[in-house]
N, C-alpha and C. Protein backbone atom coordinates (compact mmCIF):
# COMPACT_ATOMS: atom_id res chain seq x y z
N MET A 1 56.86 -14.15 -37.17
CA MET A 1 57.60 -13.02 -38.37
C MET A 1 58.60 -12.00 -37.84
N ILE A 2 58.80 -12.06 -39.26
CA ILE A 2 60.25 -10.93 -39.18
C ILE A 2 60.68 -10.15 -39.58
N VAL A 3 60.88 -9.02 -39.09
CA VAL A 3 61.78 -7.62 -39.51
C VAL A 3 62.78 -7.67 -40.24
N LYS A 4 62.88 -7.82 -41.44
CA LYS A 4 64.50 -7.09 -41.82
C LYS A 4 65.33 -6.08 -42.54
N LYS A 5 65.98 -5.32 -41.13
CA LYS A 5 66.02 -4.06 -41.73
C LYS A 5 66.74 -4.12 -42.81
N ILE A 6 67.25 -3.76 -44.02
CA ILE A 6 67.92 -3.78 -45.02
C ILE A 6 68.37 -2.51 -45.69
N GLN A 7 69.80 -2.65 -46.09
CA GLN A 7 70.32 -1.25 -46.71
C GLN A 7 70.58 -0.79 -47.41
N TYR A 8 70.02 -0.86 -49.10
CA TYR A 8 70.18 -0.44 -50.16
C TYR A 8 70.26 1.38 -50.35
N HIS A 9 70.58 0.84 -52.68
CA HIS A 9 70.44 2.06 -53.27
C HIS A 9 69.12 1.76 -53.52
N ASP A 10 68.42 3.42 -53.60
CA ASP A 10 67.23 3.54 -53.89
C ASP A 10 67.33 4.00 -55.33
N LEU A 11 66.76 4.04 -55.87
CA LEU A 11 66.23 5.17 -57.74
C LEU A 11 67.28 5.96 -57.85
N ASP A 12 66.99 6.62 -57.22
CA ASP A 12 68.02 8.48 -57.21
C ASP A 12 69.71 7.74 -56.83
N GLY A 13 69.28 7.10 -56.46
CA GLY A 13 71.23 6.28 -55.57
C GLY A 13 71.27 6.94 -54.55
N ASP A 14 70.40 7.14 -53.21
CA ASP A 14 70.46 7.36 -52.51
C ASP A 14 70.90 6.10 -51.57
N LEU A 15 71.33 6.53 -50.30
CA LEU A 15 71.27 4.79 -49.83
C LEU A 15 70.31 5.64 -48.74
N ARG A 16 69.70 3.87 -48.36
CA ARG A 16 68.47 4.15 -47.82
C ARG A 16 68.42 2.18 -47.14
N GLU A 17 67.92 2.47 -45.24
CA GLU A 17 67.74 1.84 -44.92
C GLU A 17 66.28 1.37 -43.98
N ASP A 18 65.96 0.39 -44.87
CA ASP A 18 64.11 0.24 -44.14
C ASP A 18 63.86 -1.16 -44.18
N ASP A 19 62.69 -0.93 -43.11
CA ASP A 19 62.52 -2.33 -42.12
C ASP A 19 61.80 -3.44 -43.83
N PHE A 20 61.85 -4.41 -43.68
CA PHE A 20 60.56 -5.08 -44.35
C PHE A 20 60.57 -6.10 -44.05
N TYR A 21 59.25 -6.63 -43.89
CA TYR A 21 58.04 -7.56 -43.13
C TYR A 21 57.83 -8.99 -43.86
N PHE A 22 58.06 -10.11 -43.36
CA PHE A 22 58.26 -11.14 -43.61
C PHE A 22 57.15 -12.57 -43.34
N SER A 23 56.25 -13.29 -43.56
CA SER A 23 56.03 -14.19 -42.48
C SER A 23 54.84 -14.68 -43.29
N MET A 24 54.52 -16.52 -42.86
CA MET A 24 53.72 -17.24 -43.39
C MET A 24 53.41 -17.94 -42.13
N ASN A 25 51.65 -18.29 -42.63
CA ASN A 25 51.15 -19.18 -41.57
C ASN A 25 51.88 -20.48 -42.39
N GLU A 26 50.60 -21.73 -41.44
CA GLU A 26 51.60 -23.04 -41.63
C GLU A 26 51.50 -23.00 -43.44
N THR A 27 49.53 -22.80 -43.43
CA THR A 27 49.08 -23.00 -44.65
C THR A 27 49.96 -22.86 -45.55
N GLN A 28 50.59 -21.89 -45.78
CA GLN A 28 51.11 -20.98 -46.69
C GLN A 28 52.52 -22.43 -46.82
N PHE A 29 53.02 -21.85 -45.70
CA PHE A 29 54.33 -22.41 -44.92
C PHE A 29 54.18 -23.87 -45.75
N ALA A 30 53.14 -25.09 -46.48
CA ALA A 30 52.67 -25.90 -46.23
C ALA A 30 52.78 -26.21 -48.00
N ARG A 31 52.34 -24.73 -48.72
CA ARG A 31 51.78 -24.87 -49.94
C ARG A 31 53.48 -24.76 -50.67
N ILE A 32 54.32 -23.39 -50.02
CA ILE A 32 55.27 -23.77 -50.93
C ILE A 32 55.96 -24.99 -50.18
N ASN A 33 55.98 -25.74 -49.01
CA ASN A 33 57.06 -27.39 -48.75
C ASN A 33 56.49 -27.86 -50.14
N ARG A 34 54.95 -28.27 -50.21
CA ARG A 34 54.91 -29.15 -51.25
C ARG A 34 55.15 -28.83 -52.55
N ASN A 35 55.44 -27.77 -53.25
CA ASN A 35 55.96 -27.51 -54.37
C ASN A 35 57.47 -28.17 -54.92
N PHE A 36 58.39 -28.53 -53.66
CA PHE A 36 59.45 -28.88 -53.93
C PHE A 36 59.64 -30.36 -53.70
N ARG A 37 60.03 -31.13 -53.86
CA ARG A 37 60.12 -32.27 -54.51
C ARG A 37 61.24 -33.26 -52.98
N GLY A 38 60.52 -33.72 -52.10
CA GLY A 38 60.69 -34.15 -50.72
C GLY A 38 60.97 -32.75 -49.53
N GLY A 39 60.19 -32.03 -50.02
CA GLY A 39 60.46 -30.63 -49.41
C GLY A 39 60.95 -29.77 -49.43
N LEU A 40 60.68 -28.46 -48.83
CA LEU A 40 61.76 -27.90 -49.17
C LEU A 40 63.23 -28.06 -48.46
N GLN A 41 63.43 -27.90 -47.59
CA GLN A 41 64.29 -28.45 -46.81
C GLN A 41 65.28 -29.47 -47.43
N GLU A 42 65.26 -30.64 -47.35
CA GLU A 42 65.45 -31.56 -47.87
C GLU A 42 65.74 -31.41 -49.91
N TYR A 43 64.97 -30.33 -51.01
CA TYR A 43 65.49 -29.68 -51.97
C TYR A 43 66.44 -28.79 -51.57
N ALA A 44 66.23 -28.33 -50.55
CA ALA A 44 67.80 -26.93 -50.55
C ALA A 44 68.99 -27.61 -50.22
N ALA A 45 68.89 -28.86 -49.84
CA ALA A 45 69.70 -29.33 -48.99
C ALA A 45 70.78 -30.33 -50.26
N ARG A 46 69.79 -30.71 -50.84
CA ARG A 46 70.53 -31.43 -52.45
C ARG A 46 70.74 -30.08 -53.59
N ALA A 47 70.51 -29.40 -53.75
CA ALA A 47 70.53 -28.30 -54.29
C ALA A 47 72.27 -27.96 -53.66
N ALA A 48 71.77 -27.61 -52.46
CA ALA A 48 73.06 -26.72 -52.00
C ALA A 48 74.89 -28.24 -52.63
N LYS A 49 73.90 -29.41 -52.03
CA LYS A 49 74.47 -30.44 -52.61
C LYS A 49 75.72 -30.14 -53.99
N ASP A 50 74.63 -30.60 -55.17
CA ASP A 50 74.70 -30.35 -55.86
C ASP A 50 75.89 -29.07 -56.68
N LYS A 51 75.57 -28.17 -56.05
CA LYS A 51 75.87 -26.60 -56.54
C LYS A 51 75.23 -26.11 -57.37
N ASN A 52 73.89 -26.72 -57.23
CA ASN A 52 73.29 -26.52 -58.43
C ASN A 52 72.40 -24.56 -57.87
N THR A 53 73.50 -23.78 -58.28
CA THR A 53 72.42 -22.36 -57.85
C THR A 53 71.51 -22.07 -58.17
N ASP A 54 71.12 -22.75 -59.27
CA ASP A 54 69.52 -22.27 -59.98
C ASP A 54 68.67 -22.92 -59.17
N ASP A 55 68.56 -23.80 -58.87
CA ASP A 55 67.44 -24.19 -57.53
C ASP A 55 68.00 -23.74 -56.56
N MET A 56 69.10 -23.71 -55.67
CA MET A 56 69.05 -22.68 -54.69
C MET A 56 68.34 -21.46 -54.59
N PHE A 57 68.25 -20.21 -56.23
CA PHE A 57 68.42 -19.73 -55.77
C PHE A 57 65.96 -19.62 -55.75
N TYR A 58 66.06 -19.99 -56.85
CA TYR A 58 64.51 -20.90 -56.64
C TYR A 58 64.19 -20.93 -55.22
N VAL A 59 64.55 -21.53 -54.18
CA VAL A 59 64.19 -21.73 -53.24
C VAL A 59 64.14 -20.71 -52.93
N VAL A 60 65.39 -19.51 -52.47
CA VAL A 60 64.83 -18.61 -51.77
C VAL A 60 64.04 -17.75 -52.66
N ASP A 61 64.06 -17.58 -53.51
CA ASP A 61 63.40 -16.81 -54.02
C ASP A 61 61.60 -16.97 -53.41
N THR A 62 61.45 -18.14 -53.77
CA THR A 62 59.81 -19.05 -53.68
C THR A 62 60.09 -18.25 -52.17
N LEU A 63 60.61 -18.67 -51.37
CA LEU A 63 60.27 -18.05 -49.68
C LEU A 63 60.00 -16.78 -49.63
N VAL A 64 61.03 -16.08 -50.39
CA VAL A 64 60.72 -14.35 -50.13
C VAL A 64 60.04 -13.82 -50.75
N ARG A 65 59.53 -14.29 -52.19
CA ARG A 65 58.33 -13.79 -52.38
C ARG A 65 56.33 -14.26 -51.64
N GLU A 66 56.58 -15.92 -51.34
CA GLU A 66 55.60 -16.11 -50.51
C GLU A 66 55.19 -15.36 -49.20
N ALA A 67 56.27 -14.85 -48.80
CA ALA A 67 56.42 -14.28 -47.24
C ALA A 67 56.44 -13.09 -46.77
N TYR A 68 56.76 -12.16 -47.99
CA TYR A 68 56.75 -10.77 -48.29
C TYR A 68 55.63 -10.37 -48.05
N GLY A 69 55.00 -8.85 -46.97
CA GLY A 69 54.22 -8.44 -47.19
C GLY A 69 54.22 -6.92 -46.49
N GLU A 70 53.14 -6.40 -45.88
CA GLU A 70 53.16 -5.02 -45.40
C GLU A 70 52.29 -4.57 -43.93
N ARG A 71 53.02 -5.03 -43.68
CA ARG A 71 52.06 -4.64 -41.12
C ARG A 71 51.60 -3.73 -41.24
N LEU A 72 50.33 -4.30 -41.54
CA LEU A 72 49.30 -2.88 -40.67
C LEU A 72 48.74 -2.89 -39.21
N VAL A 73 48.62 -1.58 -38.53
CA VAL A 73 48.04 -1.91 -37.38
C VAL A 73 47.37 -3.54 -37.06
N ASN A 74 46.24 -3.51 -37.63
CA ASN A 74 45.20 -4.88 -37.57
C ASN A 74 45.93 -6.37 -38.43
N GLY A 75 46.66 -5.87 -38.68
CA GLY A 75 47.17 -7.23 -39.94
C GLY A 75 48.03 -7.27 -40.30
N PHE A 76 48.61 -8.12 -41.30
CA PHE A 76 49.71 -8.36 -42.50
C PHE A 76 49.17 -8.86 -44.09
N VAL A 77 48.53 -7.55 -45.00
CA VAL A 77 48.86 -8.09 -45.97
C VAL A 77 50.07 -8.35 -47.32
N LYS A 78 49.61 -9.09 -48.33
CA LYS A 78 50.38 -9.33 -49.09
C LYS A 78 50.01 -9.12 -50.07
N THR A 79 48.70 -8.49 -50.92
CA THR A 79 48.16 -7.75 -52.14
C THR A 79 48.00 -6.77 -52.22
N ALA A 80 47.79 -5.86 -53.01
CA ALA A 80 47.92 -4.33 -52.79
C ALA A 80 45.97 -3.95 -53.35
N PRO A 81 45.69 -3.13 -52.75
CA PRO A 81 44.30 -3.16 -53.18
C PRO A 81 43.90 -3.23 -54.81
N ASN A 82 44.27 -2.88 -55.42
CA ASN A 82 44.32 -4.17 -56.72
C ASN A 82 44.24 -5.20 -57.07
N GLY A 83 44.78 -5.60 -56.10
CA GLY A 83 44.96 -7.59 -56.20
C GLY A 83 46.61 -7.77 -56.47
N GLN A 84 47.09 -6.98 -57.07
CA GLN A 84 48.64 -7.05 -57.66
C GLN A 84 49.66 -7.85 -56.26
N LYS A 85 49.94 -8.37 -55.94
CA LYS A 85 51.08 -9.13 -55.04
C LYS A 85 52.25 -8.31 -54.72
N LEU A 86 52.20 -7.93 -53.33
CA LEU A 86 53.43 -6.73 -53.17
C LEU A 86 54.73 -7.31 -53.20
N ALA A 87 55.19 -8.16 -53.23
CA ALA A 87 55.59 -9.20 -53.64
C ALA A 87 56.19 -8.82 -54.95
N ASP A 88 55.95 -8.50 -55.92
CA ASP A 88 55.87 -7.96 -57.16
C ASP A 88 56.67 -7.37 -57.14
N PHE A 89 56.46 -5.80 -56.60
CA PHE A 89 57.26 -4.84 -56.26
C PHE A 89 58.58 -4.92 -55.99
N PHE A 90 58.66 -5.39 -54.13
CA PHE A 90 60.05 -5.81 -54.05
C PHE A 90 60.74 -6.30 -54.45
N VAL A 91 60.34 -7.22 -55.48
CA VAL A 91 61.51 -7.81 -56.37
C VAL A 91 62.24 -7.41 -57.06
N ASN A 92 61.65 -6.07 -57.48
CA ASN A 92 62.37 -5.20 -58.24
C ASN A 92 63.00 -3.81 -57.58
N THR A 93 63.25 -3.85 -56.43
CA THR A 93 64.44 -3.21 -55.61
C THR A 93 65.81 -3.94 -55.35
N GLU A 94 66.42 -2.85 -55.23
CA GLU A 94 67.97 -3.80 -54.64
C GLU A 94 67.79 -3.94 -54.02
N ALA A 95 67.14 -3.55 -52.47
CA ALA A 95 66.49 -4.18 -51.44
C ALA A 95 66.52 -5.71 -51.01
N TYR A 96 65.40 -6.45 -52.46
CA TYR A 96 65.11 -7.81 -52.05
C TYR A 96 66.92 -8.38 -53.51
N ASP A 97 67.73 -7.56 -54.11
CA ASP A 97 69.26 -8.08 -54.38
C ASP A 97 69.60 -7.91 -53.36
N ASN A 98 70.31 -7.29 -52.37
CA ASN A 98 70.67 -7.32 -51.42
C ASN A 98 70.06 -8.59 -50.12
N LEU A 99 69.43 -8.41 -50.53
CA LEU A 99 68.42 -10.06 -49.44
C LEU A 99 68.99 -11.12 -49.76
N MET A 100 68.32 -11.95 -50.72
CA MET A 100 69.04 -12.83 -52.20
C MET A 100 70.46 -13.24 -51.60
N ILE A 101 71.27 -11.94 -51.73
CA ILE A 101 72.33 -12.48 -51.90
C ILE A 101 72.54 -13.03 -50.51
N GLU A 102 72.24 -12.08 -49.32
CA GLU A 102 72.73 -12.56 -48.18
C GLU A 102 71.83 -13.85 -47.81
N LEU A 103 71.43 -14.27 -48.01
CA LEU A 103 70.27 -16.00 -47.76
C LEU A 103 70.76 -16.96 -48.66
N MET A 104 71.20 -16.64 -50.09
CA MET A 104 72.11 -17.43 -50.37
C MET A 104 73.95 -17.82 -50.19
N GLN A 105 74.33 -16.94 -49.12
CA GLN A 105 75.12 -16.92 -48.55
C GLN A 105 75.83 -17.94 -46.93
N SER A 106 74.89 -18.28 -46.69
CA SER A 106 75.39 -19.90 -45.43
C SER A 106 73.10 -20.10 -45.25
N GLU A 107 73.95 -21.67 -45.18
CA GLU A 107 72.64 -22.33 -44.41
C GLU A 107 71.99 -21.57 -42.98
N ASP A 108 72.87 -20.80 -42.49
CA ASP A 108 72.51 -20.09 -41.36
C ASP A 108 71.29 -19.38 -41.20
N ASN A 109 71.76 -18.17 -42.65
CA ASN A 109 71.05 -16.98 -43.04
C ASN A 109 69.62 -17.35 -43.46
N PHE A 110 69.89 -18.66 -44.16
CA PHE A 110 68.42 -19.46 -44.87
C PHE A 110 67.29 -20.39 -43.86
N VAL A 111 68.43 -20.75 -43.11
CA VAL A 111 66.96 -20.90 -41.83
C VAL A 111 66.76 -20.58 -40.83
N SER A 112 67.64 -19.35 -40.51
CA SER A 112 66.75 -18.65 -39.61
C SER A 112 65.71 -17.44 -41.00
N PHE A 113 66.12 -17.23 -41.69
CA PHE A 113 65.30 -16.56 -42.09
C PHE A 113 64.02 -17.46 -42.15
N MET A 114 63.59 -18.33 -43.01
CA MET A 114 62.88 -19.30 -43.07
C MET A 114 61.86 -19.13 -42.20
N THR A 115 62.66 -20.26 -40.55
CA THR A 115 61.79 -19.92 -39.39
C THR A 115 61.72 -18.96 -39.21
N GLY A 116 62.12 -17.90 -39.11
CA GLY A 116 61.48 -16.00 -38.50
C GLY A 116 60.41 -15.90 -38.71
N CYS A 117 59.87 -16.46 -40.32
CA CYS A 117 58.71 -16.13 -41.11
C CYS A 117 58.19 -16.65 -41.08
N LEU A 118 57.87 -17.53 -40.14
CA LEU A 118 56.64 -18.85 -39.79
C LEU A 118 55.84 -18.65 -38.50
N ASN A 119 55.01 -18.22 -38.15
CA ASN A 119 54.41 -18.36 -37.50
C ASN A 119 54.37 -19.43 -36.55
N GLN A 120 54.09 -19.02 -34.67
CA GLN A 120 54.41 -20.32 -33.65
C GLN A 120 54.70 -21.44 -33.98
N ASN A 121 53.29 -21.76 -34.61
CA ASN A 121 52.33 -22.84 -33.97
C ASN A 121 53.55 -23.85 -35.64
N ALA A 122 54.08 -23.29 -36.77
CA ALA A 122 54.01 -23.85 -38.19
C ALA A 122 56.49 -23.91 -37.13
N LYS A 123 56.66 -22.68 -36.69
CA LYS A 123 57.93 -22.65 -36.35
C LYS A 123 58.34 -24.33 -35.64
N ASN A 124 56.86 -24.33 -34.40
CA ASN A 124 57.84 -25.54 -33.76
C ASN A 124 57.65 -26.31 -34.62
N ARG A 125 56.94 -27.00 -35.48
CA ARG A 125 56.54 -27.99 -35.89
C ARG A 125 58.37 -28.61 -36.83
N VAL A 126 58.26 -27.67 -37.85
CA VAL A 126 59.07 -27.16 -38.55
C VAL A 126 60.63 -27.77 -37.72
N GLN A 127 60.57 -27.01 -36.73
CA GLN A 127 62.19 -26.63 -36.03
C GLN A 127 61.97 -28.36 -35.27
N ALA A 128 60.74 -28.77 -34.74
CA ALA A 128 61.10 -30.55 -33.86
C ALA A 128 61.29 -31.86 -35.39
N ARG A 129 60.50 -31.49 -37.01
CA ARG A 129 61.02 -32.73 -37.60
C ARG A 129 62.42 -31.95 -38.37
N TRP A 130 63.30 -31.30 -38.86
CA TRP A 130 64.82 -31.00 -38.38
C TRP A 130 65.43 -31.05 -37.03
N ALA A 131 65.28 -30.96 -35.83
CA ALA A 131 65.70 -31.49 -35.15
C ALA A 131 65.59 -33.05 -35.29
N GLU A 132 64.88 -33.68 -35.48
CA GLU A 132 64.49 -35.60 -35.54
C GLU A 132 65.60 -35.67 -36.36
N GLN A 133 65.72 -34.80 -38.01
CA GLN A 133 66.72 -35.31 -38.77
C GLN A 133 68.13 -34.97 -38.75
N LYS A 134 68.64 -33.87 -37.94
CA LYS A 134 69.83 -33.63 -37.45
C LYS A 134 70.18 -34.85 -36.43
N LYS A 135 69.29 -35.94 -35.58
CA LYS A 135 69.82 -36.15 -35.10
C LYS A 135 70.03 -37.47 -36.04
N ASN A 136 69.21 -37.86 -37.03
CA ASN A 136 68.98 -39.50 -37.43
C ASN A 136 70.51 -39.61 -38.65
N SER A 137 70.88 -37.70 -38.53
CA SER A 137 71.69 -38.13 -39.74
C SER A 137 73.18 -37.10 -39.44
N GLU A 138 73.00 -37.55 -37.83
CA GLU A 138 74.58 -37.43 -37.10
C GLU A 138 75.32 -35.39 -37.19
N GLY A 139 74.21 -35.21 -37.52
CA GLY A 139 74.24 -33.32 -36.60
C GLY A 139 74.04 -33.29 -38.82
N GLY A 140 74.31 -31.67 -38.12
CA GLY A 140 73.70 -30.99 -39.80
C GLY A 140 72.13 -30.62 -40.00
N LEU A 141 71.78 -29.99 -40.63
CA LEU A 141 70.70 -30.19 -40.95
C LEU A 141 70.03 -30.86 -42.12
N THR A 142 71.12 -31.78 -42.58
CA THR A 142 70.70 -32.52 -44.04
C THR A 142 69.64 -33.39 -43.62
N PRO A 143 69.05 -34.04 -44.80
CA PRO A 143 68.31 -34.63 -44.38
C PRO A 143 68.54 -35.81 -44.19
N VAL A 144 67.69 -37.10 -43.74
CA VAL A 144 68.49 -38.76 -43.80
C VAL A 144 68.69 -38.89 -44.76
N GLY A 145 69.80 -40.07 -44.92
CA GLY A 145 70.29 -40.13 -45.73
C GLY A 145 70.94 -39.88 -47.31
N ALA A 146 70.95 -38.42 -47.04
CA ALA A 146 72.35 -37.04 -47.14
C ALA A 146 73.50 -36.93 -46.94
N GLU A 147 74.50 -36.20 -47.66
CA GLU A 147 75.82 -36.56 -47.38
C GLU A 147 75.42 -35.56 -46.63
N ASN A 148 76.53 -35.03 -45.51
CA ASN A 148 76.76 -34.27 -44.38
C ASN A 148 77.31 -33.14 -45.18
N ASN A 149 76.94 -32.80 -46.04
CA ASN A 149 77.03 -31.06 -46.46
C ASN A 149 75.73 -30.33 -46.23
N LYS A 150 76.37 -29.27 -45.98
CA LYS A 150 75.54 -28.33 -45.69
C LYS A 150 75.24 -27.28 -46.93
N PRO A 151 73.62 -27.39 -47.47
CA PRO A 151 74.08 -26.31 -47.96
C PRO A 151 74.39 -24.61 -47.80
N ALA A 152 74.81 -24.11 -49.65
CA ALA A 152 75.66 -22.69 -49.24
C ALA A 152 74.12 -21.61 -48.56
N LEU A 153 73.05 -21.74 -48.55
CA LEU A 153 72.48 -20.85 -48.23
C LEU A 153 72.56 -20.11 -46.80
N THR A 154 72.67 -19.51 -45.94
CA THR A 154 72.73 -19.15 -44.80
C THR A 154 72.13 -17.64 -43.72
N VAL A 155 69.88 -14.19 -42.66
CA VAL A 155 70.36 -13.37 -42.96
C VAL A 155 69.95 -12.95 -41.80
N VAL A 156 70.32 -11.74 -40.93
CA VAL A 156 70.73 -11.53 -39.69
C VAL A 156 69.20 -10.67 -39.42
N GLU A 157 68.78 -11.12 -38.46
CA GLU A 157 67.05 -10.87 -38.46
C GLU A 157 66.91 -9.91 -37.35
N GLY A 158 65.97 -9.29 -37.56
CA GLY A 158 65.37 -8.63 -36.30
C GLY A 158 64.59 -8.25 -36.36
N LYS A 159 63.39 -9.18 -35.09
CA LYS A 159 62.40 -9.51 -34.73
C LYS A 159 61.73 -8.28 -33.56
N LYS A 160 60.67 -8.03 -33.93
CA LYS A 160 59.79 -7.20 -32.94
C LYS A 160 58.80 -8.38 -32.59
C-alpha cells in the first residue's frame, strides 16, 4: 500500500493536503497487466518511446483507478456501500489531476508509485522480473529488445 499526500484546491478554492490510499494485490495487478499488450511495463515503455501521450495516460489512469481506495481499521475498500467505485469520485478531484501530472513526469515516479501500490508478494515478483529485464537490456527498465530510452513517466511516496 502507498499513502500519497497530495496538495490540491478543493471545490471552494481552499488549499488542502490530504492522504490518499492506493493498494493492489497480485490478482488485481495481474488483471491490469494482462490488459496491456506485452504487459504493463513493456506497454508503458513503448508508449514513452513513441511519445504516445494517449497511451501513457491510459497506463497511468488505469493503474490509479484500480489501486485507489480507502483504508479502514480492518481492511481496504474500493467500492462505496451503493456499489460505486470510489475511484469514480477521486478522478473528479484536483488531487487526481495533480497525481496524474506527477506520475507522467518521469519513469521513477511511475515505477515507485506502481510498486508501492502492490502487496509484498506482488512487489517481489515484479521487482525480480524487472531486475532480470534490466540485466538483459544493459540497464534501464526497458524490456528486452527495446531501445534503451526511459519512459517519460516517474510519485514521491509516503508509506505507512
